[in-house]
Each structure stands twice: as C-alpha cells, then as structure tokens.
Amino acid sequence: MISFKMLGKARGRRVQGTTAAVLLTGSLFQYPPSKPWLGLLVGLVIWSLTIIPVMAAEAPPTLDLKEALRLAWKANPTLQVSRLQELIASEDVVRARSGFLPQVKAEVGQTIYDDPIKTKFPGASGSGGASTLPMTNRNFWSSKVFVDQTIFDFWATPSRYQAAVQGKQASILDTAQTRDNIFLNVCQGYFRTLRSQKMVVVAEQEVVDLKAHLKIARDQFEFGVNTYNDVLQAEVSLADAEQRLIIANTDVIDIRSALNKVLMLPISAPTALKDEKLVQPAADLDQATEVALKRRSDLKASQDRIKQQEWMVTQTRAGYFPRIYAQGGHTWQQNSVWVHNSQYFGIFGLQWTLFSGLDTKAQVVQAKDKVAQLLEQQKDLNQQVQLDVQTAYLKVKETAERIRVTEKAVTQGEENLRLNEERYKEQVGTATDVIDAQTLLTKTRVNYFTALYDHQMAKAQLLWAMGGINELFAQENPANAR
C-alpha cells in the first residue's frame, strides 16, 4: 500500500508543516529523508510502479504492406536459403576459373627398400662375372616441388567456366523468383488477415442486431403480443451467431499467425495491419502475357540452365581428346651415391585417356539428354506462365464484378432488414422474416468483404504472374533487389 499525506496550509499563509509521509509495505519514511540515498530509492520505486503499466498497455505498431514485405525480404528463411545457394554458385565460378591458372604441388616422402637399387657392370669383376653398384640408399627421404599448367584441353576448362557462370546467373534468378513467391505469400496472408478481421466485424454486428431483436421479442412476449416461440427462435439464432463470432476470432488468430511466420515475427504477436489497396496493372491479357514472358525470373533461369547444360556437353566431349600441359620444378633425394642430390626439371607433355570403359561416351550422351530434358521443361514453364497470367487476369475481372454486385446488395440487405424489423414491431411481420433478413444481410456482408479482399489478392497474383510483384517493395539499393 502506498499513501501520501501532505501537512500544510493554503498558499499565502504560514506553513505549519511541510512533511510528506509515505507508507510503503508497512514502513514509514519521512520526506525530506534523513539519508539522501533513501529518498532516491523511494523515488525509483514510485516511478517504476507508475511507468510499468503504461509500457505494458502500449498497443502494437500498425504494419503496412511495404513494411511486411521488408520484413520478409530481410529475414524469411526460404529466401535466406536461396541467397546461400547464390554464394555456393559463386564459388563454383571460382573453382572453374582455377583451371586457367597453374597448379603448384609439393611432395615429401620417405622410401625404405629391402635392398637398395643397384646397377650391374658385366665382366667388371675380372673373373667373367658381373659386379654391382648401388644407385640409391636403402632408406632415404625425397621431395618434389613443381608447377603444372594446362596449355590446351580442347575447351574442357573454358566450357566448365562458362557453365559455372551460367549456373551463377541462374541461381541469382532463382533467388529473384523465390523473392517473388515470398512476396506473393506475404500479400495473400496480409489480405487474408484483413478479410478475417472484417469477418469478425460482420459477426459482431450480427450478434448486436440479434440481441436487439431478442429484446424486442421478449418485450412483445411480456406484453402478450407474441408467443414465446419468437423468443426461443431469437435465442437460438443469437447462439448460432455467437458461435460464428467465436470461430471468426479463432480464424483471425490462425491466419495472422501464419503471416507472422512468413515475416519471422513471434507467432502469437498481435500484429495490427493497415488496410491498403493495390493498384491494378494497366494492361490487357495479351499485353500482360507478353510482359510476363519477358520478365518472369523462373523463365529466365530456365534459359540460363539450358545454356549451362550446353556448355556441359562441350566439357564432357573434351574427354575424347588429350590434355596438353607443361611442368617445371625441383626434385631432391637423399643419396650417398649421386653427385647431385637435387635437380631442376621441365616437361612438355600430353595426357590422353585412350579408353575409359565407355564412361566418356556415356557422359556425353547424358549431358545431351539433360539439355533435351531442360528444353521440355522450358516449354511446359512457358505454357504455365501464360496460364498464370490468364488465371490471375480473369480473377481480377471476376472479383471486380463481385464487388460491384455485392456492394449494392449490402445496401439492399440493410434496407430489407430495417423494413422487416419495422413490420415485426407493427405486428404485420413475423420473427422468421426478421431472422431471415438478418441472415441474408450477414451473408451479403460476408460476400462483399470476401470479394473486396479477393480482389486485392487477385491483383497481387497478377503482379506476380507478370513478374512485377517486387515493385511493391521499393528497395533502398536497387542493385540488391534482383
């Protein structure tokens, strides 16, 4: 318990006492305190008790669509995996480029023979026999340092490098497509959340209207105007509406949690969203399809994969031909017989696998088959892109018509409910007419808000199908937006 007591008189009179008493958990402190630190402690306790409730009651900030896209771009794990794949592809380029550079190698080892290597000199012993002379030590150390440079390998190294470059470019485009897919998921989750919140508003309004109708039915029953059946009917309808409200509130939490997961926010965070509307692309179906075929990242990535595999065909075909190389280096061997233990050397040579058990031929055929496979996949993807655009375009038109129809129907439903309520009050209408009118109005409202937010999701899907959904997110550094 905290209590304050100020002893004093009004302004302009002599103050008889200026003591403030603070009772905190049964202890009484006098202010001004006899010890300065005691007053500071009391002040900190009072400040913390007053500031903590204010901080806990602070509402979550409102999140707009651009900020939601920014959060997904920054932290979504699927996008992070795709970025890591880009880095892996970049290192493939480095590895492929190393084939143009010389390789420096070193060898060190110890050799132990059961008997040292010897050379034979016929008739040198004077008795018609042969004498021997050791050429190496029985136990010796040796080392070798040399540089190996490929001079020409029939385009194996250049094709490997070009394939890696195409693979890196395809990985960049894969990341761009992954980004577009994530952005579409964000937009759909964003507008689904807004739609579910509107469903709660509709359900709450239905509960309010049915409670008002129940009050009227009870009043008329108490006055003996209607039977108790009207009251029961209103109570059952109200219970059904309250059940729908409970379900609507649960749906909001589930849909919002799914959006939080995409944005890498706490799953149970009460994220507040700003109601927004997207701009519809100004293009007809043919124009939208043409734009999509030029801009879709997955279609571009497919083309790069085909080029990459064509270079792989050239690389594997080089296995039929020799590798021309040059080597130069230094050798050293521990030897008590040789005049010089170390020597410099140079080699200009040719390496050629004359027969590999048909492995080279199989690799070439396999590489060509992969090219054919990618070409078929590209044809299918080309058709899929056109289908995506058409589906989204027709969905935009459909939802726009649904908005036009249902918007007018909501006004008509509200007027229908008002008339039936008035008829019921005047005893020329039945409770069933009122409840039917309320049910129809609720359904019309649900249809209207469903069409409204389906229209926004359809526009987001059309932007995605055309390869332009990333335009919703203005990246600070366009070079990194991809």
Protein backbone atom coordinates (compact mmCIF):
# COMPACT_ATOMS: atom_id res chain seq x y z
CA MET A 1 0.00 0.00 0.00
CA ILE A 2 1.23 3.46 -0.95
CA SER A 3 -0.27 6.59 0.66
CA PHE A 4 0.75 10.23 0.72
CA LYS A 5 -0.11 12.80 3.39
CA MET A 6 0.80 16.46 2.97
CA LEU A 7 0.55 18.71 6.02
CA GLY A 8 0.35 22.40 5.29
CA LYS A 9 -1.85 25.43 4.75
CA ALA A 10 -3.06 27.24 1.70
CA ARG A 11 -0.84 29.48 -0.38
CA GLY A 12 -0.22 32.89 1.22
CA ARG A 13 -0.39 31.61 4.82
CA ARG A 14 2.33 30.46 7.15
CA VAL A 15 3.02 26.77 6.61
CA GLN A 16 2.79 24.90 9.88
CA GLY A 17 4.14 21.68 8.50
CA THR A 18 5.74 20.54 5.21
CA THR A 19 6.19 16.87 5.91
CA ALA A 20 5.24 14.20 3.42
CA ALA A 21 4.65 10.74 4.82
CA VAL A 22 4.98 7.69 2.57
CA LEU A 23 3.76 4.35 3.81
CA LEU A 24 5.33 1.53 1.78
CA THR A 25 4.71 -2.08 2.81
CA GLY A 26 4.26 -1.08 6.38
CA SER A 27 7.31 1.20 6.65
CA LEU A 28 7.04 4.95 7.16
CA PHE A 29 9.60 7.22 5.51
CA GLN A 30 9.81 10.91 6.18
CA TYR A 31 10.49 13.34 3.36
CA PRO A 32 12.89 15.05 3.25
CA PRO A 33 14.70 11.87 4.33
CA SER A 34 17.47 11.82 6.84
CA LYS A 35 19.58 9.87 4.36
CA PRO A 36 19.77 11.02 0.68
CA TRP A 37 20.00 7.51 -0.76
CA LEU A 38 16.79 6.54 1.00
CA GLY A 39 14.86 9.27 -0.80
CA LEU A 40 16.35 8.23 -4.13
CA LEU A 41 15.28 4.61 -3.54
CA VAL A 42 11.73 5.64 -2.71
CA GLY A 43 11.58 7.80 -5.85
CA LEU A 44 12.76 4.94 -8.09
CA VAL A 45 10.18 2.55 -6.62
CA ILE A 46 7.34 5.02 -7.15
CA TRP A 47 8.48 5.79 -10.72
CA SER A 48 8.68 2.08 -11.65
CA LEU A 49 5.20 1.41 -10.31
CA THR A 50 3.76 4.23 -12.39
CA ILE A 51 5.64 3.58 -15.66
CA ILE A 52 5.31 -0.23 -15.93
CA PRO A 53 1.52 -0.31 -16.50
CA VAL A 54 1.85 2.32 -19.20
CA MET A 55 4.53 0.33 -21.05
CA ALA A 56 2.58 -2.92 -20.80
CA ALA A 57 -0.55 -1.35 -22.23
CA GLU A 58 1.20 0.04 -25.29
CA ALA A 59 -0.56 -1.09 -28.49
CA PRO A 60 1.45 -2.87 -31.19
CA PRO A 61 2.50 -0.65 -34.10
CA THR A 62 0.46 -0.76 -37.27
CA LEU A 63 2.17 -2.72 -40.05
CA ASP A 64 1.68 -1.66 -43.66
CA LEU A 65 2.24 -3.86 -46.70
CA LYS A 66 5.60 -2.34 -47.62
CA GLU A 67 6.94 -2.94 -44.12
CA ALA A 68 5.64 -6.51 -44.22
CA LEU A 69 7.49 -7.10 -47.49
CA ARG A 70 10.62 -5.58 -45.98
CA LEU A 71 10.47 -7.95 -43.01
CA ALA A 72 10.05 -10.94 -45.32
CA TRP A 73 12.90 -9.77 -47.58
CA LYS A 74 15.17 -9.41 -44.60
CA ALA A 75 14.50 -12.50 -42.53
CA ASN A 76 12.45 -15.15 -44.35
CA PRO A 77 14.38 -18.44 -44.06
CA THR A 78 13.39 -19.70 -47.52
CA LEU A 79 14.87 -16.55 -49.02
CA GLN A 80 17.98 -16.94 -46.89
CA VAL A 81 18.46 -20.48 -48.21
CA SER A 82 18.20 -19.18 -51.78
CA ARG A 83 20.78 -16.48 -51.06
CA LEU A 84 23.15 -19.13 -49.71
CA GLN A 85 22.66 -21.07 -52.93
CA GLU A 86 23.82 -17.96 -54.79
CA LEU A 87 27.02 -17.95 -52.74
CA ILE A 88 27.58 -21.63 -53.48
CA ALA A 89 27.15 -20.95 -57.21
CA SER A 90 29.62 -18.06 -56.95
CA GLU A 91 32.23 -20.40 -55.51
CA ASP A 92 31.62 -22.79 -58.41
CA VAL A 93 32.76 -19.96 -60.70
CA VAL A 94 35.92 -19.53 -58.64
CA ARG A 95 36.62 -23.26 -58.83
CA ALA A 96 36.06 -23.35 -62.58
CA ARG A 97 38.29 -20.32 -63.12
CA SER A 98 41.11 -22.07 -61.27
CA GLY A 99 41.54 -24.34 -64.29
CA PHE A 100 43.10 -21.43 -66.19
CA LEU A 101 45.77 -20.94 -63.52
CA PRO A 102 48.85 -23.08 -62.81
CA GLN A 103 48.78 -25.60 -60.00
CA VAL A 104 51.68 -25.66 -57.58
CA LYS A 105 52.22 -29.00 -55.86
CA ALA A 106 54.74 -30.40 -53.38
CA GLU A 107 55.58 -33.95 -52.33
CA VAL A 108 57.70 -35.19 -49.43
CA GLY A 109 58.22 -38.84 -48.53
CA GLN A 110 60.46 -41.49 -47.07
CA THR A 111 61.32 -44.61 -49.06
CA ILE A 112 62.58 -47.85 -47.49
CA TYR A 113 63.81 -50.74 -49.68
CA ASP A 114 64.62 -54.27 -48.56
CA ASP A 115 67.66 -53.96 -50.80
CA PRO A 116 68.89 -50.72 -52.42
CA ILE A 117 68.57 -50.35 -56.19
CA LYS A 118 71.79 -51.42 -57.91
CA THR A 119 73.26 -51.31 -61.40
CA LYS A 120 75.18 -54.20 -63.00
CA PHE A 121 78.53 -53.95 -64.82
CA PRO A 122 79.21 -57.16 -66.86
CA GLY A 123 82.80 -58.50 -66.66
CA ALA A 124 83.94 -55.79 -64.33
CA SER A 125 84.92 -58.26 -61.60
CA GLY A 126 87.80 -59.79 -63.74
CA SER A 127 86.54 -63.36 -63.39
CA GLY A 128 83.97 -63.25 -66.18
CA GLY A 129 81.18 -62.38 -63.78
CA ALA A 130 79.38 -59.06 -63.21
CA SER A 131 79.83 -56.54 -60.44
CA THR A 132 77.04 -54.36 -58.97
CA LEU A 133 76.97 -50.78 -57.77
CA PRO A 134 74.19 -49.34 -55.55
CA MET A 135 72.27 -46.47 -57.16
CA THR A 136 70.24 -45.36 -54.12
CA ASN A 137 70.28 -45.60 -50.38
CA ARG A 138 68.25 -48.34 -48.79
CA ASN A 139 66.43 -45.77 -46.63
CA PHE A 140 66.13 -42.21 -47.90
CA TRP A 141 63.99 -39.05 -47.92
CA SER A 142 62.91 -37.27 -51.10
CA SER A 143 60.89 -34.20 -52.08
CA LYS A 144 59.42 -32.69 -55.22
CA VAL A 145 58.02 -29.23 -55.92
CA PHE A 146 56.58 -28.49 -59.34
CA VAL A 147 54.21 -26.27 -61.28
CA ASP A 148 51.62 -27.83 -63.62
CA GLN A 149 49.95 -25.68 -66.29
CA THR A 150 47.31 -26.82 -68.74
CA ILE A 151 48.09 -25.42 -72.16
CA PHE A 152 45.15 -26.80 -74.12
CA ASP A 153 42.48 -29.35 -73.18
CA PHE A 154 40.15 -28.97 -76.16
CA TRP A 155 37.86 -26.44 -74.45
CA ALA A 156 37.19 -28.53 -71.33
CA THR A 157 38.28 -25.75 -68.94
CA PRO A 158 36.67 -22.81 -70.81
CA SER A 159 33.35 -24.68 -71.11
CA ARG A 160 33.43 -25.59 -67.43
CA TYR A 161 33.94 -21.93 -66.58
CA GLN A 162 31.13 -20.77 -68.85
CA ALA A 163 28.82 -23.40 -67.35
CA ALA A 164 29.61 -22.12 -63.86
CA VAL A 165 28.91 -18.53 -64.92
CA GLN A 166 25.54 -19.55 -66.36
CA GLY A 167 24.81 -21.51 -63.21
CA LYS A 168 25.54 -18.48 -61.05
CA GLN A 169 23.25 -16.30 -63.16
CA ALA A 170 20.52 -18.92 -62.91
CA SER A 171 20.93 -19.02 -59.12
CA ILE A 172 20.50 -15.23 -58.97
CA LEU A 173 17.31 -15.53 -60.98
CA ASP A 174 16.14 -18.40 -58.76
CA THR A 175 16.56 -16.10 -55.77
CA ALA A 176 14.55 -13.41 -57.56
CA GLN A 177 11.76 -15.91 -58.22
CA THR A 178 11.88 -17.10 -54.62
CA ARG A 179 11.59 -13.48 -53.53
CA ASP A 180 8.55 -13.01 -55.78
CA ASN A 181 6.95 -16.17 -54.39
CA ILE A 182 7.54 -14.99 -50.82
CA PHE A 183 6.13 -11.55 -51.65
CA LEU A 184 3.00 -13.20 -53.09
CA ASN A 185 2.63 -15.22 -49.90
CA VAL A 186 3.01 -12.05 -47.85
CA CYS A 187 0.36 -10.21 -49.89
CA GLN A 188 -2.06 -13.11 -49.70
CA GLY A 189 -1.50 -13.54 -45.96
CA TYR A 190 -1.80 -9.79 -45.44
CA PHE A 191 -5.18 -9.51 -47.19
CA ARG A 192 -6.44 -12.80 -45.73
CA THR A 193 -5.78 -11.36 -42.29
CA LEU A 194 -7.64 -8.17 -43.14
CA ARG A 195 -10.52 -10.21 -44.55
CA SER A 196 -10.73 -12.35 -41.42
CA GLN A 197 -10.83 -9.20 -39.28
CA LYS A 198 -13.75 -7.94 -41.36
CA MET A 199 -15.48 -11.27 -40.78
CA VAL A 200 -15.20 -10.61 -37.06
CA VAL A 201 -16.78 -7.18 -37.54
CA VAL A 202 -19.62 -8.74 -39.52
CA ALA A 203 -20.15 -11.42 -36.88
CA GLU A 204 -20.12 -8.83 -34.10
CA GLN A 205 -22.69 -6.73 -35.94
CA GLU A 206 -24.89 -9.79 -36.41
CA VAL A 207 -24.72 -10.52 -32.68
CA VAL A 208 -25.64 -6.91 -31.88
CA ASP A 209 -28.60 -6.98 -34.29
CA LEU A 210 -29.89 -10.30 -32.98
CA LYS A 211 -29.60 -9.12 -29.38
CA ALA A 212 -31.70 -6.12 -30.31
CA HIS A 213 -34.24 -8.39 -31.97
CA LEU A 214 -34.27 -10.68 -28.94
CA LYS A 215 -35.04 -7.71 -26.69
CA ILE A 216 -37.96 -6.71 -28.90
CA ALA A 217 -39.27 -10.29 -28.95
CA ARG A 218 -39.09 -10.52 -25.16
CA ASP A 219 -40.79 -7.18 -24.71
CA GLN A 220 -43.62 -8.16 -27.03
CA PHE A 221 -43.97 -11.52 -25.28
CA GLU A 222 -44.18 -9.85 -21.89
CA PHE A 223 -46.96 -7.62 -23.22
CA GLY A 224 -48.72 -10.65 -24.62
CA VAL A 225 -48.38 -9.57 -28.21
CA ASN A 226 -46.39 -12.58 -29.45
CA THR A 227 -45.80 -16.14 -28.38
CA TYR A 228 -42.75 -17.45 -26.58
CA ASN A 229 -41.73 -19.20 -29.80
CA ASP A 230 -40.43 -15.86 -31.12
CA VAL A 231 -38.18 -15.54 -28.10
CA LEU A 232 -36.86 -19.07 -28.49
CA GLN A 233 -36.23 -18.53 -32.17
CA ALA A 234 -34.31 -15.32 -31.45
CA GLU A 235 -32.24 -17.01 -28.71
CA VAL A 236 -31.29 -19.90 -30.97
CA SER A 237 -30.31 -17.52 -33.78
CA LEU A 238 -28.26 -15.44 -31.34
CA ALA A 239 -26.44 -18.53 -30.05
CA ASP A 240 -25.65 -19.53 -33.62
CA ALA A 241 -24.33 -16.03 -34.37
CA GLU A 242 -22.17 -16.05 -31.22
CA GLN A 243 -20.72 -19.37 -32.31
CA ARG A 244 -19.79 -17.88 -35.68
CA LEU A 245 -18.17 -14.96 -33.85
CA ILE A 246 -16.04 -17.37 -31.81
CA ILE A 247 -14.94 -19.15 -34.98
CA ALA A 248 -14.19 -15.82 -36.70
CA ASN A 249 -11.98 -14.71 -33.80
CA THR A 250 -10.09 -18.02 -33.92
CA ASP A 251 -9.63 -17.68 -37.68
CA VAL A 252 -8.09 -14.24 -37.20
CA ILE A 253 -5.50 -15.65 -34.81
CA ASP A 254 -4.66 -18.59 -37.08
CA ILE A 255 -4.36 -16.54 -40.27
CA ARG A 256 -2.40 -13.78 -38.54
CA SER A 257 -0.04 -16.36 -37.02
CA ALA A 258 0.63 -17.81 -40.48
CA LEU A 259 1.51 -14.31 -41.70
CA ASN A 260 3.78 -13.79 -38.69
CA LYS A 261 5.63 -16.97 -39.58
CA VAL A 262 6.32 -15.72 -43.11
CA LEU A 263 7.52 -12.39 -41.69
CA MET A 264 9.60 -14.14 -38.99
CA LEU A 265 7.67 -12.36 -36.23
CA PRO A 266 6.60 -14.07 -32.98
CA ILE A 267 3.82 -16.48 -33.96
CA SER A 268 1.39 -15.16 -31.35
CA ALA A 269 2.20 -11.47 -31.89
CA PRO A 270 -0.99 -9.33 -32.17
CA THR A 271 0.14 -7.77 -35.43
CA ALA A 272 -2.03 -4.82 -36.45
CA LEU A 273 -2.33 -4.27 -40.21
CA LYS A 274 -3.10 -1.16 -42.17
CA ASP A 275 -5.94 -1.54 -44.67
CA GLU A 276 -4.45 -0.99 -48.14
CA LYS A 277 -5.42 -1.37 -51.77
CA LEU A 278 -3.15 -2.38 -54.63
CA VAL A 279 -3.02 -0.66 -57.99
CA GLN A 280 -4.22 -2.84 -60.86
CA PRO A 281 -1.70 -3.21 -63.74
CA ALA A 282 -2.84 -1.20 -66.75
CA ALA A 283 -2.62 -3.94 -69.37
CA ASP A 284 -4.97 -6.24 -71.24
CA LEU A 285 -4.48 -10.01 -71.31
CA ASP A 286 -2.21 -10.07 -74.38
CA GLN A 287 -0.02 -7.27 -73.05
CA ALA A 288 0.19 -8.87 -69.62
CA THR A 289 1.22 -12.18 -71.17
CA GLU A 290 3.90 -10.53 -73.28
CA VAL A 291 5.30 -8.73 -70.26
CA ALA A 292 5.33 -11.95 -68.23
CA LEU A 293 7.24 -13.88 -70.90
CA LYS A 294 9.92 -11.19 -70.82
CA ARG A 295 10.11 -10.57 -67.07
CA ARG A 296 9.42 -13.80 -65.22
CA SER A 297 12.58 -14.78 -63.35
CA ASP A 298 11.85 -18.50 -63.42
CA LEU A 299 11.58 -18.41 -67.22
CA LYS A 300 14.90 -16.56 -67.48
CA ALA A 301 16.51 -19.02 -65.06
CA SER A 302 15.29 -21.90 -67.23
CA GLN A 303 17.02 -20.39 -70.25
CA ASP A 304 20.26 -19.99 -68.31
CA ARG A 305 20.07 -23.61 -67.14
CA ILE A 306 19.81 -24.74 -70.76
CA LYS A 307 22.89 -22.70 -71.71
CA GLN A 308 24.71 -24.09 -68.71
CA GLN A 309 23.97 -27.66 -69.75
CA GLU A 310 25.02 -26.98 -73.34
CA TRP A 311 28.43 -25.93 -72.03
CA MET A 312 28.49 -29.15 -70.01
CA VAL A 313 28.10 -31.08 -73.25
CA THR A 314 31.22 -29.37 -74.61
CA GLN A 315 33.08 -30.10 -71.39
CA THR A 316 32.28 -33.81 -71.39
CA ARG A 317 33.06 -34.13 -75.12
CA ALA A 318 36.59 -32.88 -74.38
CA GLY A 319 37.20 -36.22 -72.63
CA TYR A 320 37.73 -37.78 -76.07
CA PHE A 321 40.84 -35.63 -76.63
CA PRO A 322 44.23 -35.27 -74.93
CA ARG A 323 45.36 -32.69 -72.44
CA ILE A 324 48.49 -30.78 -73.40
CA TYR A 325 50.42 -29.46 -70.43
CA ALA A 326 53.77 -28.19 -69.19
CA GLN A 327 55.53 -28.88 -65.89
CA GLY A 328 58.57 -27.42 -64.26
CA GLY A 329 60.02 -27.89 -60.81
CA HIS A 330 62.70 -29.16 -58.45
CA THR A 331 63.44 -32.62 -57.02
CA TRP A 332 65.63 -33.66 -54.12
CA GLN A 333 66.59 -37.14 -52.94
CA GLN A 334 68.83 -38.19 -50.09
CA ASN A 335 71.57 -40.28 -51.79
CA SER A 336 75.15 -41.10 -50.88
CA VAL A 337 75.98 -42.26 -54.42
CA TRP A 338 74.75 -39.46 -56.67
CA VAL A 339 76.90 -36.48 -57.40
CA HIS A 340 73.89 -34.14 -57.13
CA ASN A 341 71.03 -34.81 -54.72
CA SER A 342 68.80 -32.12 -56.24
CA GLN A 343 67.84 -31.22 -59.81
CA TYR A 344 65.57 -28.84 -61.71
CA PHE A 345 63.40 -30.23 -64.48
CA GLY A 346 60.94 -29.19 -67.20
CA ILE A 347 58.33 -31.30 -69.01
CA PHE A 348 56.18 -30.58 -72.02
CA GLY A 349 53.76 -33.45 -72.28
CA LEU A 350 50.44 -34.88 -73.35
CA GLN A 351 47.93 -36.90 -71.29
CA TRP A 352 45.34 -38.93 -73.12
CA THR A 353 42.84 -41.44 -71.86
CA LEU A 354 42.63 -43.83 -74.79
CA PHE A 355 39.84 -45.96 -73.35
CA SER A 356 37.68 -45.27 -70.29
CA GLY A 357 35.32 -48.19 -70.45
CA LEU A 358 32.75 -46.11 -72.43
CA ASP A 359 32.47 -43.71 -69.48
CA THR A 360 33.22 -40.65 -71.63
CA LYS A 361 30.64 -41.64 -74.22
CA ALA A 362 28.02 -42.16 -71.51
CA GLN A 363 28.78 -38.73 -70.00
CA VAL A 364 28.32 -37.03 -73.38
CA VAL A 365 25.00 -38.80 -74.03
CA GLN A 366 23.85 -38.00 -70.51
CA ALA A 367 24.70 -34.32 -70.92
CA LYS A 368 22.80 -34.14 -74.23
CA ASP A 369 19.77 -35.84 -72.68
CA LYS A 370 19.76 -33.26 -69.88
CA VAL A 371 19.68 -30.49 -72.48
CA ALA A 372 16.64 -32.12 -74.08
CA GLN A 373 15.05 -32.51 -70.66
CA LEU A 374 15.54 -28.82 -69.83
CA LEU A 375 14.11 -27.79 -73.20
CA GLU A 376 10.93 -29.76 -72.47
CA GLN A 377 10.71 -28.22 -69.01
CA GLN A 378 11.06 -24.77 -70.53
CA LYS A 379 8.19 -25.44 -72.94
CA ASP A 380 5.99 -26.50 -70.05
CA LEU A 381 7.06 -23.49 -67.98
CA ASN A 382 6.30 -21.18 -70.88
CA GLN A 383 2.77 -22.53 -71.03
CA GLN A 384 2.46 -22.33 -67.25
CA VAL A 385 3.44 -18.66 -67.24
CA GLN A 386 0.73 -17.89 -69.79
CA LEU A 387 -1.78 -19.86 -67.72
CA ASP A 388 -0.76 -18.00 -64.56
CA VAL A 389 -1.34 -14.65 -66.25
CA GLN A 390 -4.70 -15.68 -67.68
CA THR A 391 -5.92 -17.10 -64.37
CA ALA A 392 -4.93 -14.00 -62.42
CA TYR A 393 -6.28 -11.62 -65.05
CA LEU A 394 -9.69 -13.33 -65.11
CA LYS A 395 -9.72 -13.43 -61.31
CA VAL A 396 -9.19 -9.68 -61.17
CA LYS A 397 -12.13 -9.10 -63.52
CA GLU A 398 -14.32 -11.59 -61.66
CA THR A 399 -13.68 -10.09 -58.21
CA ALA A 400 -14.25 -6.56 -59.56
CA GLU A 401 -17.70 -7.64 -60.78
CA ARG A 402 -18.40 -9.37 -57.47
CA ILE A 403 -17.59 -6.15 -55.61
CA ARG A 404 -19.93 -4.19 -57.81
CA VAL A 405 -22.78 -6.63 -57.28
CA THR A 406 -22.35 -7.29 -53.57
CA GLU A 407 -21.77 -3.63 -52.66
CA LYS A 408 -25.26 -2.83 -53.93
CA ALA A 409 -26.64 -5.96 -52.29
CA VAL A 410 -25.37 -4.86 -48.86
CA THR A 411 -27.35 -1.63 -49.08
CA GLN A 412 -30.41 -3.56 -50.19
CA GLY A 413 -29.94 -6.10 -47.39
CA GLU A 414 -29.73 -3.38 -44.76
CA GLU A 415 -32.94 -1.80 -46.05
CA ASN A 416 -34.63 -5.21 -46.15
CA LEU A 417 -33.71 -5.84 -42.51
CA ARG A 418 -34.94 -2.42 -41.45
CA LEU A 419 -38.31 -2.94 -43.17
CA ASN A 420 -38.81 -6.39 -41.64
CA GLU A 421 -37.93 -5.08 -38.19
CA GLU A 422 -40.48 -2.31 -38.58
CA ARG A 423 -43.08 -4.80 -39.80
CA TYR A 424 -42.37 -7.02 -36.80
CA LYS A 425 -42.75 -4.13 -34.40
CA GLU A 426 -46.07 -3.25 -36.05
CA GLN A 427 -47.13 -6.92 -35.80
CA VAL A 428 -47.55 -7.31 -39.54
CA GLY A 429 -44.37 -9.35 -39.94
CA THR A 430 -43.04 -12.50 -38.27
CA ALA A 431 -39.88 -13.18 -36.31
CA THR A 432 -38.86 -15.59 -39.04
CA ASP A 433 -38.91 -12.74 -41.54
CA VAL A 434 -36.57 -10.69 -39.34
CA ILE A 435 -34.15 -13.55 -38.76
CA ASP A 436 -34.17 -14.46 -42.46
CA ALA A 437 -33.46 -10.82 -43.32
CA GLN A 438 -30.61 -10.75 -40.76
CA THR A 439 -29.14 -13.99 -42.14
CA LEU A 440 -29.35 -12.66 -45.68
CA LEU A 441 -27.68 -9.39 -44.67
CA THR A 442 -24.86 -11.22 -42.90
CA LYS A 443 -24.30 -13.43 -45.93
CA THR A 444 -24.28 -10.38 -48.20
CA ARG A 445 -21.74 -8.61 -46.00
CA VAL A 446 -19.54 -11.69 -45.94
CA ASN A 447 -19.75 -11.91 -49.73
CA TYR A 448 -18.87 -8.24 -50.11
CA PHE A 449 -15.78 -8.29 -47.90
CA THR A 450 -14.70 -11.62 -49.37
CA ALA A 451 -14.92 -10.15 -52.86
CA LEU A 452 -13.16 -6.97 -51.71
CA TYR A 453 -10.09 -8.75 -50.38
CA ASP A 454 -10.15 -11.48 -53.02
CA HIS A 455 -9.80 -8.60 -55.48
CA GLN A 456 -6.66 -7.37 -53.73
CA MET A 457 -5.20 -10.87 -53.68
CA ALA A 458 -6.05 -11.31 -57.37
CA LYS A 459 -4.19 -8.09 -58.22
CA ALA A 460 -1.19 -9.31 -56.22
CA GLN A 461 -1.34 -12.61 -58.09
CA LEU A 462 -1.47 -10.79 -61.43
CA LEU A 463 1.57 -8.71 -60.47
CA TRP A 464 3.36 -11.93 -59.51
CA ALA A 465 2.34 -13.66 -62.74
CA MET A 466 3.71 -10.72 -64.75
CA GLY A 467 6.98 -10.77 -62.77
CA GLY A 468 6.40 -7.34 -61.23
CA ILE A 469 5.32 -8.00 -57.64
CA ASN A 470 8.73 -6.82 -56.41
CA GLU A 471 7.68 -3.31 -57.47
CA LEU A 472 5.51 -3.21 -54.35
CA PHE A 473 8.71 -3.10 -52.34
CA ALA A 474 10.97 -0.18 -53.23
CA GLN A 475 14.39 -1.47 -52.29
CA GLU A 476 16.81 1.14 -50.99
CA ASN A 477 19.59 -0.41 -53.07
CA PRO A 478 18.09 -1.49 -56.42
CA ALA A 479 21.24 -3.40 -57.27
CA ASN A 480 20.48 -5.82 -54.41
CA ALA A 481 16.77 -6.10 -55.12
CA ARG A 482 17.12 -8.56 -58.02
